[in-house]
């Protein structure tokens, strides 16, 4: 959401994350009681999107920067892309087996394909429009991907690829659900889109807070209401995650009142058709990124945002604060008790302790 982008720049605090596949992780039953945090690197940088590929953590950042951190070598490699006249703000990152994709948030929208083998990056999509504003990007598989942006007319601005990211095409509004006036998405996190198999969920905010669901990789859509606080420019869903095809969680709130902890978290057990508020007037306030814990049977969740790092072992009904650090903007699990997080001026490794 463009207004959110401008406001966040003033506050210099953004959060972002990317969803993962939980099906092949060993189940856990114990409740986490604390965390150990190890700083991997510090720099003057804002990292809002990360993607983990084995021992490599890829990141997209401000000032046209992207790079990766090698967990085995304990080494950061960083590059810039584009020109100094066009300082890109990369909020979205996605990956296939052989490539990383990063997407600039605003005009001009620039989408780069970056081979993991170190060969030359390629600009595969560009959109010039003073109102363009992309919020999130994900891939269904090595061939097919999707990116969404705020509406230019009366629907989400959506582009897809069917050839491994070499070319991208816009879906016309006639094939998409109409948005309400004042409804858009937030670029606070790369979790506006969640993908499980062929299933896709997109979440909105602003004057409406809804979930858009496609069972067939974006070819058709249904729309479901949520009870998340809505009605103003800075309210709504900022982040979503699904553990599997049925169990999902959305969070966000009111960015103008960061400590407001009601109407800001809800869960679904029917694939996103219906949603119930959780932990009203309890736990965290504004949240930008929610992630299920791998192997947590759809009950274990973590959230980062203005209140720090919170953990739930019961599907979001109760929450425990594990860190007060509000500078961690994005978090991604690498196993069922270890995560990588990044944000304002740093990247860290978090070990969750029983």
Protein backbone atom coordinates (compact mmCIF):
# COMPACT_ATOMS: atom_id res chain seq x y z
CA UNK A 1 0.00 0.00 0.00
CA UNK A 2 1.57 3.23 -1.20
CA UNK A 3 0.52 5.40 1.75
CA UNK A 4 1.90 2.79 4.12
CA UNK A 5 5.23 2.80 2.26
CA UNK A 6 5.59 6.54 2.69
CA UNK A 7 4.60 6.44 6.35
CA UNK A 8 6.97 3.60 7.10
CA UNK A 9 9.88 5.42 5.53
CA UNK A 10 9.29 8.21 7.99
CA UNK A 11 9.30 5.76 10.90
CA UNK A 12 12.22 3.76 9.41
CA UNK A 13 10.74 0.50 10.61
CA UNK A 14 9.45 -2.24 8.31
CA UNK A 15 8.93 -5.94 8.71
CA UNK A 16 8.86 -8.71 6.12
CA UNK A 17 8.96 -12.46 5.75
CA UNK A 18 8.45 -15.32 3.37
CA UNK A 19 6.45 -18.53 3.78
CA UNK A 20 7.91 -22.03 3.80
CA UNK A 21 6.91 -25.67 3.33
CA UNK A 22 6.16 -27.31 6.67
CA UNK A 23 5.19 -30.79 5.53
CA UNK A 24 8.60 -32.45 5.69
CA UNK A 25 9.64 -31.21 9.13
CA UNK A 26 9.76 -33.46 12.20
CA UNK A 27 6.88 -32.84 14.61
CA UNK A 28 7.54 -31.12 17.90
CA UNK A 29 5.46 -31.12 21.07
CA UNK A 30 7.46 -29.07 23.55
CA UNK A 31 6.71 -25.43 24.25
CA UNK A 32 9.46 -22.88 23.66
CA UNK A 33 10.39 -20.91 26.76
CA UNK A 34 13.24 -18.67 25.58
CA UNK A 35 15.52 -17.81 22.69
CA UNK A 36 19.23 -17.40 22.07
CA UNK A 37 20.07 -14.75 19.47
CA UNK A 38 23.38 -14.67 17.60
CA UNK A 39 24.16 -11.68 15.34
CA UNK A 40 25.34 -12.81 11.88
CA UNK A 41 26.17 -9.35 10.58
CA UNK A 42 25.47 -5.67 11.16
CA UNK A 43 25.35 -2.90 8.57
CA UNK A 44 23.46 0.25 7.67
CA UNK A 45 20.76 -1.57 5.77
CA UNK A 46 17.06 -2.36 5.84
CA UNK A 47 16.26 -5.99 5.00
CA UNK A 48 12.61 -6.82 4.53
CA UNK A 49 12.63 -10.07 2.58
CA UNK A 50 14.69 -13.25 2.91
CA UNK A 51 14.73 -16.67 1.27
CA UNK A 52 16.63 -19.67 2.62
CA UNK A 53 18.29 -22.15 0.26
CA UNK A 54 20.08 -24.81 2.33
CA UNK A 55 23.01 -23.00 4.02
CA UNK A 56 22.47 -19.76 2.05
CA UNK A 57 20.21 -16.94 3.21
CA UNK A 58 19.31 -14.63 0.32
CA UNK A 59 18.06 -11.15 1.10
CA UNK A 60 16.55 -8.16 -0.69
CA UNK A 61 17.11 -4.68 0.71
CA UNK A 62 17.03 -0.93 0.22
CA UNK A 63 19.23 1.21 -2.04
CA UNK A 64 19.18 -1.35 -4.88
CA UNK A 65 20.98 -3.94 -2.75
CA UNK A 66 20.64 -7.69 -2.58
CA UNK A 67 22.91 -10.49 -1.46
CA UNK A 68 23.31 -13.63 0.57
CA UNK A 69 24.82 -14.85 3.80
CA UNK A 70 26.63 -18.21 3.84
CA UNK A 71 25.85 -19.90 7.16
CA UNK A 72 28.72 -22.37 6.79
CA UNK A 73 31.38 -19.85 5.86
CA UNK A 74 29.91 -17.14 8.12
CA UNK A 75 30.30 -14.70 5.23
CA UNK A 76 28.13 -12.03 3.58
CA UNK A 77 28.19 -11.33 -0.17
CA UNK A 78 26.34 -8.22 -1.35
CA UNK A 79 25.68 -6.54 -4.72
CA UNK A 80 23.79 -3.59 -6.13
CA UNK A 81 21.67 -3.66 -9.22
CA UNK A 82 20.33 -0.95 -11.55
CA UNK A 83 21.58 2.65 -11.59
CA UNK A 84 22.13 5.30 -8.95
CA UNK A 85 19.30 7.30 -10.50
CA UNK A 86 16.90 4.52 -9.64
CA UNK A 87 17.37 3.50 -6.01
CA UNK A 88 15.26 0.37 -5.86
CA UNK A 89 13.45 -0.64 -2.69
CA UNK A 90 13.30 -4.43 -2.93
CA UNK A 91 10.47 -5.70 -0.71
CA UNK A 92 9.76 -9.02 -2.45
CA UNK A 93 11.99 -12.04 -2.97
CA UNK A 94 11.20 -15.50 -4.35
CA UNK A 95 13.21 -18.44 -5.57
CA UNK A 96 13.17 -21.43 -7.88
CA UNK A 97 15.73 -24.23 -7.92
CA UNK A 98 18.25 -22.25 -9.95
CA UNK A 99 17.25 -18.58 -9.61
CA UNK A 100 16.41 -15.81 -7.18
CA UNK A 101 13.86 -13.13 -8.11
CA UNK A 102 13.66 -9.69 -6.50
CA UNK A 103 11.01 -7.03 -7.15
CA UNK A 104 11.12 -3.28 -6.58
CA UNK A 105 8.13 -1.88 -4.75
CA UNK A 106 7.36 1.31 -6.70
CA UNK A 107 7.75 3.20 -9.97
CA UNK A 108 9.45 1.93 -11.98
CA UNK A 109 8.61 -1.63 -10.96
CA UNK A 110 11.75 -3.66 -11.66
CA UNK A 111 11.80 -7.46 -11.46
CA UNK A 112 15.20 -9.13 -11.71
CA UNK A 113 16.11 -12.76 -12.30
CA UNK A 114 19.38 -13.60 -10.51
CA UNK A 115 21.01 -16.98 -11.24
CA UNK A 116 22.27 -18.72 -8.12
CA UNK A 117 25.43 -19.80 -9.95
CA UNK A 118 26.68 -16.21 -10.00
CA UNK A 119 26.08 -15.49 -13.69
CA UNK A 120 24.69 -12.14 -14.83
CA UNK A 121 21.34 -10.92 -13.47
CA UNK A 122 18.62 -10.04 -15.96
CA UNK A 123 15.75 -7.54 -15.84
CA UNK A 124 12.74 -9.67 -16.81
CA UNK A 125 9.89 -7.21 -16.17
CA UNK A 126 9.51 -3.45 -15.91
CA UNK A 127 6.37 -1.40 -15.33
CA UNK A 128 6.35 2.38 -15.54
CA UNK A 129 3.36 3.97 -13.86
CA UNK A 130 3.34 6.65 -11.18
CA UNK A 131 0.81 4.60 -9.20
CA UNK A 132 2.46 1.19 -9.49
CA UNK A 133 3.19 -0.39 -6.13
CA UNK A 134 4.08 -4.08 -5.79
CA UNK A 135 3.64 -5.82 -2.45
CA UNK A 136 4.61 -9.50 -2.69
CA UNK A 137 5.90 -12.30 -4.92
CA UNK A 138 5.93 -16.12 -4.71
CA UNK A 139 6.39 -19.17 -6.97
CA UNK A 140 4.14 -22.23 -7.23
CA UNK A 141 6.94 -24.27 -8.80
CA UNK A 142 10.06 -23.80 -10.93
CA UNK A 143 7.97 -22.62 -13.89
CA UNK A 144 5.06 -20.64 -12.45
CA UNK A 145 5.05 -17.59 -10.21
CA UNK A 146 2.89 -14.64 -9.17
CA UNK A 147 3.40 -11.08 -7.92
CA UNK A 148 0.71 -8.71 -6.65
CA UNK A 149 0.50 -4.96 -6.35
CA UNK A 150 -1.94 -2.32 -5.22
CA UNK A 151 -4.86 -1.67 -7.58
CA UNK A 152 -4.37 0.59 -10.58
CA UNK A 153 -8.09 0.31 -11.35
CA UNK A 154 -10.56 -1.83 -9.40
CA UNK A 155 -8.55 -5.05 -8.89
CA UNK A 156 -5.18 -6.12 -7.61
CA UNK A 157 -2.36 -5.46 -10.05
CA UNK A 158 -1.25 -9.07 -10.65
CA UNK A 159 1.44 -10.45 -12.93
CA UNK A 160 2.28 -14.10 -13.48
CA UNK A 161 4.98 -16.15 -15.20
CA UNK A 162 4.58 -19.57 -16.77
CA UNK A 163 8.10 -19.93 -18.18
CA UNK A 164 10.32 -19.93 -15.13
CA UNK A 165 10.33 -16.17 -14.66
CA UNK A 166 11.70 -15.23 -18.07
CA UNK A 167 8.55 -13.31 -18.96
CA UNK A 168 5.66 -11.90 -16.92
CA UNK A 169 2.14 -11.03 -18.01
CA UNK A 170 -0.62 -9.06 -16.33
CA UNK A 171 -3.96 -10.67 -15.45
CA UNK A 172 -6.80 -8.46 -16.70
CA UNK A 173 -9.31 -7.22 -14.14
CA UNK A 174 -12.15 -9.11 -15.82
CA UNK A 175 -10.58 -12.31 -14.50
CA UNK A 176 -10.01 -11.02 -10.95
CA UNK A 177 -12.29 -10.12 -8.03
CA UNK A 178 -13.11 -6.44 -7.67
CA UNK A 179 -11.67 -4.56 -4.72
CA UNK A 180 -13.65 -2.20 -2.56
CA UNK A 181 -12.73 1.48 -2.56
CA UNK A 182 -9.74 2.00 -0.28
CA UNK A 183 -8.80 -1.69 -0.27
CA UNK A 184 -5.23 -2.63 -1.20
CA UNK A 185 -2.27 -4.54 0.26
CA UNK A 186 0.66 -3.66 2.50
CA UNK A 187 4.29 -3.93 1.45
CA UNK A 188 5.29 -4.43 5.07
CA UNK A 189 5.90 -8.10 4.40
CA UNK A 190 6.31 -10.56 1.57
CA UNK A 191 3.50 -12.63 3.11
CA UNK A 192 0.62 -10.99 1.27
CA UNK A 193 0.72 -14.15 -0.85
CA UNK A 194 0.74 -17.68 0.61
CA UNK A 195 1.10 -20.75 -1.60
CA UNK A 196 0.50 -24.42 -0.74
CA UNK A 197 0.66 -26.66 -3.78
CA UNK A 198 -1.69 -25.17 -6.37
CA UNK A 199 -3.59 -23.25 -3.70
CA UNK A 200 -3.02 -19.51 -3.31
CA UNK A 201 -4.17 -17.00 -0.72
CA UNK A 202 -3.83 -13.21 -1.03
CA UNK A 203 -4.69 -10.86 1.84
CA UNK A 204 -5.82 -7.24 1.80
CA UNK A 205 -5.91 -4.24 4.09
CA UNK A 206 -7.10 -0.68 4.30
CA UNK A 207 -10.85 -0.10 4.15
CA UNK A 208 -11.35 -3.89 3.87
CA UNK A 209 -9.43 -6.84 5.34
CA UNK A 210 -10.21 -9.87 3.21
CA UNK A 211 -8.73 -13.13 1.95
CA UNK A 212 -8.69 -13.93 -1.78
CA UNK A 213 -8.40 -17.66 -2.52
CA UNK A 214 -7.52 -19.50 -5.73
CA UNK A 215 -7.51 -23.33 -5.88
CA UNK A 216 -5.85 -23.40 -9.31
CA UNK A 217 -2.79 -21.16 -9.40
CA UNK A 218 -4.67 -17.93 -10.00
CA UNK A 219 -7.07 -19.03 -12.72
CA UNK A 220 -10.18 -18.45 -10.58
CA UNK A 221 -10.81 -16.73 -7.26
CA UNK A 222 -13.12 -16.64 -4.24
CA UNK A 223 -13.20 -13.87 -1.64
CA UNK A 224 -13.75 -14.30 2.11
CA UNK A 225 -14.28 -11.67 4.82
CA UNK A 226 -12.25 -11.56 8.01
CA UNK A 227 -12.89 -9.93 11.42
CA UNK A 228 -9.47 -8.18 11.39
CA UNK A 229 -9.77 -4.47 12.17
CA UNK A 230 -10.45 -2.48 9.00
CA UNK A 231 -12.01 0.72 7.72
CA UNK A 232 -9.01 3.06 7.74
CA UNK A 233 -5.99 3.45 5.49
CA UNK A 234 -3.55 1.90 7.97
CA UNK A 235 -5.70 -1.00 9.23
CA UNK A 236 -6.08 -4.55 8.01
CA UNK A 237 -4.09 -7.72 7.34
CA UNK A 238 -0.35 -7.18 7.01
CA UNK A 239 0.74 -10.82 7.01
CA UNK A 240 -0.57 -14.35 6.51
CA UNK A 241 0.66 -17.92 6.67
CA UNK A 242 -0.84 -21.37 6.17
CA UNK A 243 0.49 -24.53 7.79
CA UNK A 244 -1.34 -26.71 5.28
CA UNK A 245 -4.38 -26.46 3.01
CA UNK A 246 -6.75 -25.92 5.96
CA UNK A 247 -4.98 -24.20 8.86
CA UNK A 248 -4.12 -20.54 8.39
CA UNK A 249 -3.30 -17.45 10.43
CA UNK A 250 -3.53 -13.74 9.61
CA UNK A 251 -2.27 -10.78 11.60
CA UNK A 252 -1.78 -7.05 11.33
CA UNK A 253 -3.85 -4.43 13.10
CA UNK A 254 -3.61 -0.67 13.09
CA UNK A 255 -0.24 0.79 12.16
CA UNK A 256 -1.19 4.16 13.63
CA UNK A 257 -1.63 2.52 17.06
CA UNK A 258 1.21 0.01 17.32
CA UNK A 259 0.26 -1.29 20.79
CA UNK A 260 -3.39 -1.95 19.95
CA UNK A 261 -3.74 -5.70 20.50
CA UNK A 262 -7.35 -6.38 19.57
CA UNK A 263 -8.79 -7.16 16.16
CA UNK A 264 -5.28 -7.91 14.91
CA UNK A 265 -4.98 -11.73 14.83
CA UNK A 266 -7.25 -14.48 13.53
CA UNK A 267 -7.09 -18.12 12.50
CA UNK A 268 -8.91 -20.44 10.10
CA UNK A 269 -9.28 -24.21 10.03
CA UNK A 270 -11.29 -24.47 6.80
CA UNK A 271 -8.84 -23.20 4.22
CA UNK A 272 -9.53 -19.53 4.80
CA UNK A 273 -13.28 -19.52 4.28
CA UNK A 274 -14.02 -18.43 7.86
CA UNK A 275 -11.85 -16.67 10.43
CA UNK A 276 -12.02 -16.26 14.21
CA UNK A 277 -10.25 -13.60 16.27
CA UNK A 278 -7.69 -14.88 18.76
CA UNK A 279 -6.20 -13.49 21.99
CA UNK A 280 -8.25 -10.30 22.06
CA UNK A 281 -6.60 -7.61 24.19
CA UNK A 282 -3.70 -9.99 24.81
CA UNK A 283 -0.25 -10.54 23.37
CA UNK A 284 1.32 -8.44 20.65
CA UNK A 285 0.07 -5.27 18.99
CA UNK A 286 0.75 -4.39 15.36
CA UNK A 287 2.38 -7.34 13.57
CA UNK A 288 3.95 -7.45 10.17
CA UNK A 289 5.04 -11.09 9.86
CA UNK A 290 3.62 -14.38 11.09
CA UNK A 291 5.14 -17.82 10.54
CA UNK A 292 4.12 -21.32 11.55
CA UNK A 293 6.83 -23.32 13.31
CA UNK A 294 7.83 -26.30 11.13
CA UNK A 295 6.58 -29.54 12.64
CA UNK A 296 4.32 -27.68 15.07
CA UNK A 297 1.16 -29.43 13.85
CA UNK A 298 -0.44 -26.13 12.91
CA UNK A 299 -0.47 -24.97 16.53
CA UNK A 300 2.97 -23.37 16.98
CA UNK A 301 3.33 -19.82 15.62
CA UNK A 302 5.77 -16.93 15.84
CA UNK A 303 5.11 -13.28 15.08
CA UNK A 304 7.43 -10.30 14.74
CA UNK A 305 6.48 -6.65 14.73
CA UNK A 306 6.35 -3.55 16.84
CA UNK A 307 6.02 -5.57 20.07
CA UNK A 308 9.02 -7.79 19.40
CA UNK A 309 9.03 -11.57 18.96
CA UNK A 310 6.04 -13.55 20.25
CA UNK A 311 5.34 -17.29 20.31
CA UNK A 312 2.13 -19.32 20.59
CA UNK A 313 1.82 -23.06 21.14
CA UNK A 314 -1.99 -23.22 20.88
CA UNK A 315 -2.93 -21.85 17.45
CA UNK A 316 -2.76 -18.25 18.59
CA UNK A 317 -5.05 -18.40 21.60
CA UNK A 318 -2.27 -17.37 24.00
CA UNK A 319 1.11 -15.73 23.39
CA UNK A 320 4.48 -15.48 25.11
CA UNK A 321 6.96 -12.69 24.42
CA UNK A 322 10.41 -14.17 23.74
CA UNK A 323 12.20 -10.96 22.71
CA UNK A 324 11.45 -7.24 22.95
CA UNK A 325 13.59 -6.46 19.93
CA UNK A 326 11.33 -4.59 17.49
CA UNK A 327 14.12 -4.13 14.94
CA UNK A 328 13.66 -7.68 13.60
CA UNK A 329 11.44 -7.23 10.59
CA UNK A 330 11.47 -10.68 8.98
CA UNK A 331 11.86 -14.24 10.20
CA UNK A 332 12.28 -17.58 8.42
CA UNK A 333 12.71 -21.04 9.95
CA UNK A 334 15.49 -23.34 8.79
CA UNK A 335 14.37 -26.22 11.05
CA UNK A 336 11.86 -26.75 13.85
CA UNK A 337 13.83 -24.75 16.43
CA UNK A 338 16.13 -22.43 14.47
CA UNK A 339 15.26 -19.36 12.44
CA UNK A 340 17.00 -16.56 10.60
CA UNK A 341 15.69 -13.05 11.14
CA UNK A 342 16.65 -9.71 9.67
CA UNK A 343 15.52 -6.12 9.68
CA UNK A 344 16.99 -2.80 10.61
CA UNK A 345 20.78 -2.92 10.23
CA UNK A 346 21.29 -6.61 10.99
CA UNK A 347 20.69 -10.28 10.37
CA UNK A 348 20.53 -12.75 13.26
CA UNK A 349 20.13 -16.44 14.00
CA UNK A 350 17.50 -17.34 16.60
CA UNK A 351 17.54 -20.63 18.48
CA UNK A 352 14.27 -21.42 20.26
CA UNK A 353 14.81 -23.18 23.61
CA UNK A 354 12.42 -25.56 25.38
